[in-house]
Amino acid sequence: MRIEVVRSGGFAGIPRRAALDTAGRPDAGRLTSLAEAVLAAPPPSGPPVPDGFTYAITADGRTAHCADPHLTPAQRELIEAVLGEGA
């Protein structure tokens, strides 16, 4: 599964994009489970915060949108994994 995260917003407004391919990874099951949970989650509720980050998470042709500070634990973990390791 290819998972892509695009982060936008923030004070500088500079977008950041990263992607991971789970094929052959020892943590593929965990990443796939996180992606499925994120894609199945209802859209976030609550007003956006000034200069907060917004995220678009895409996997298997589906995209979920979320924003700080309204991230679920699964969203936060997946975002950190992809932006931390992705290219």
Protein backbone atom coordinates (compact mmCIF):
# COMPACT_ATOMS: atom_id res chain seq x y z
CA MET A 1 0.00 0.00 0.00
CA ARG A 2 1.29 3.46 -0.87
CA ILE A 3 0.41 6.06 1.77
CA GLU A 4 0.88 9.75 1.07
CA VAL A 5 0.54 12.66 3.49
CA VAL A 6 0.38 16.30 2.45
CA ARG A 7 0.65 18.83 5.27
CA SER A 8 -0.31 22.43 4.57
CA GLY A 9 -1.01 25.55 6.58
CA GLY A 10 1.02 26.54 9.57
CA PHE A 11 2.63 29.91 10.15
CA ALA A 12 4.80 29.80 7.02
CA GLY A 13 2.17 28.12 4.84
CA ILE A 14 4.77 25.90 3.16
CA PRO A 15 3.31 22.52 2.16
CA ARG A 16 5.20 19.33 2.96
CA ARG A 17 4.59 16.05 1.12
CA ALA A 18 5.87 12.54 1.88
CA ALA A 19 4.92 9.00 0.91
CA LEU A 20 5.67 5.47 2.08
CA ASP A 21 5.22 2.15 0.34
CA THR A 22 4.43 -0.56 2.88
CA ALA A 23 5.60 -3.43 0.63
CA GLY A 24 8.39 -5.37 2.31
CA ARG A 25 8.37 -3.30 5.49
CA PRO A 26 8.38 -5.10 8.83
CA ASP A 27 5.73 -2.66 10.11
CA ALA A 28 3.51 -2.97 7.01
CA GLY A 29 0.62 -4.47 8.96
CA ARG A 30 0.60 -1.66 11.50
CA LEU A 31 0.82 1.06 8.83
CA THR A 32 -1.92 -0.56 6.74
CA SER A 33 -4.18 -0.85 9.81
CA LEU A 34 -3.58 2.80 10.68
CA ALA A 35 -4.34 3.88 7.10
CA GLU A 36 -7.58 1.88 7.06
CA ALA A 37 -8.63 3.41 10.40
CA VAL A 38 -7.85 6.92 9.17
CA LEU A 39 -9.76 6.45 5.92
CA ALA A 40 -12.78 5.02 7.76
CA ALA A 41 -12.89 7.76 10.42
CA PRO A 42 -15.62 10.40 10.21
CA PRO A 43 -14.50 13.88 9.17
CA PRO A 44 -13.13 15.97 12.04
CA SER A 45 -15.38 18.39 13.80
CA GLY A 46 -14.54 21.71 15.31
CA PRO A 47 -13.27 24.99 13.97
CA PRO A 48 -9.79 25.21 12.48
CA VAL A 49 -7.17 27.01 14.50
CA PRO A 50 -5.23 29.98 13.14
CA ASP A 51 -1.92 28.88 11.64
CA GLY A 52 -2.78 25.21 12.33
CA PHE A 53 -1.75 22.38 10.05
CA THR A 54 -4.19 20.58 7.79
CA TYR A 55 -3.50 17.14 6.34
CA ALA A 56 -4.59 15.13 3.32
CA ILE A 57 -3.90 11.42 3.78
CA THR A 58 -4.22 9.27 0.65
CA ALA A 59 -4.07 5.48 0.37
CA ASP A 60 -5.65 3.08 -2.13
CA GLY A 61 -7.13 5.96 -4.12
CA ARG A 62 -9.05 7.35 -1.13
CA THR A 63 -8.25 10.56 0.70
CA ALA A 64 -9.08 11.64 4.24
CA HIS A 65 -8.72 15.23 5.44
CA CYS A 66 -7.98 16.24 9.02
CA ALA A 67 -6.53 19.18 10.94
CA ASP A 68 -4.79 20.08 14.17
CA PRO A 69 -5.87 20.01 16.96
CA HIS A 70 -8.65 17.57 16.01
CA LEU A 71 -6.47 14.57 15.10
CA THR A 72 -7.35 11.08 16.28
CA PRO A 73 -4.52 8.97 17.74
CA ALA A 74 -4.46 6.88 14.53
CA GLN A 75 -4.23 10.00 12.35
CA ARG A 76 -1.41 11.44 14.46
CA GLU A 77 0.57 8.18 14.48
CA LEU A 78 0.24 7.68 10.72
CA ILE A 79 1.12 11.30 9.94
CA GLU A 80 4.22 11.11 12.13
CA ALA A 81 5.31 7.82 10.56
CA VAL A 82 4.91 9.01 6.97
CA LEU A 83 6.32 12.52 7.41
CA GLY A 84 9.12 11.15 9.58
CA GLU A 85 10.27 8.45 7.13
CA GLY A 86 8.66 9.17 3.79
CA ALA A 87 10.42 10.55 0.80
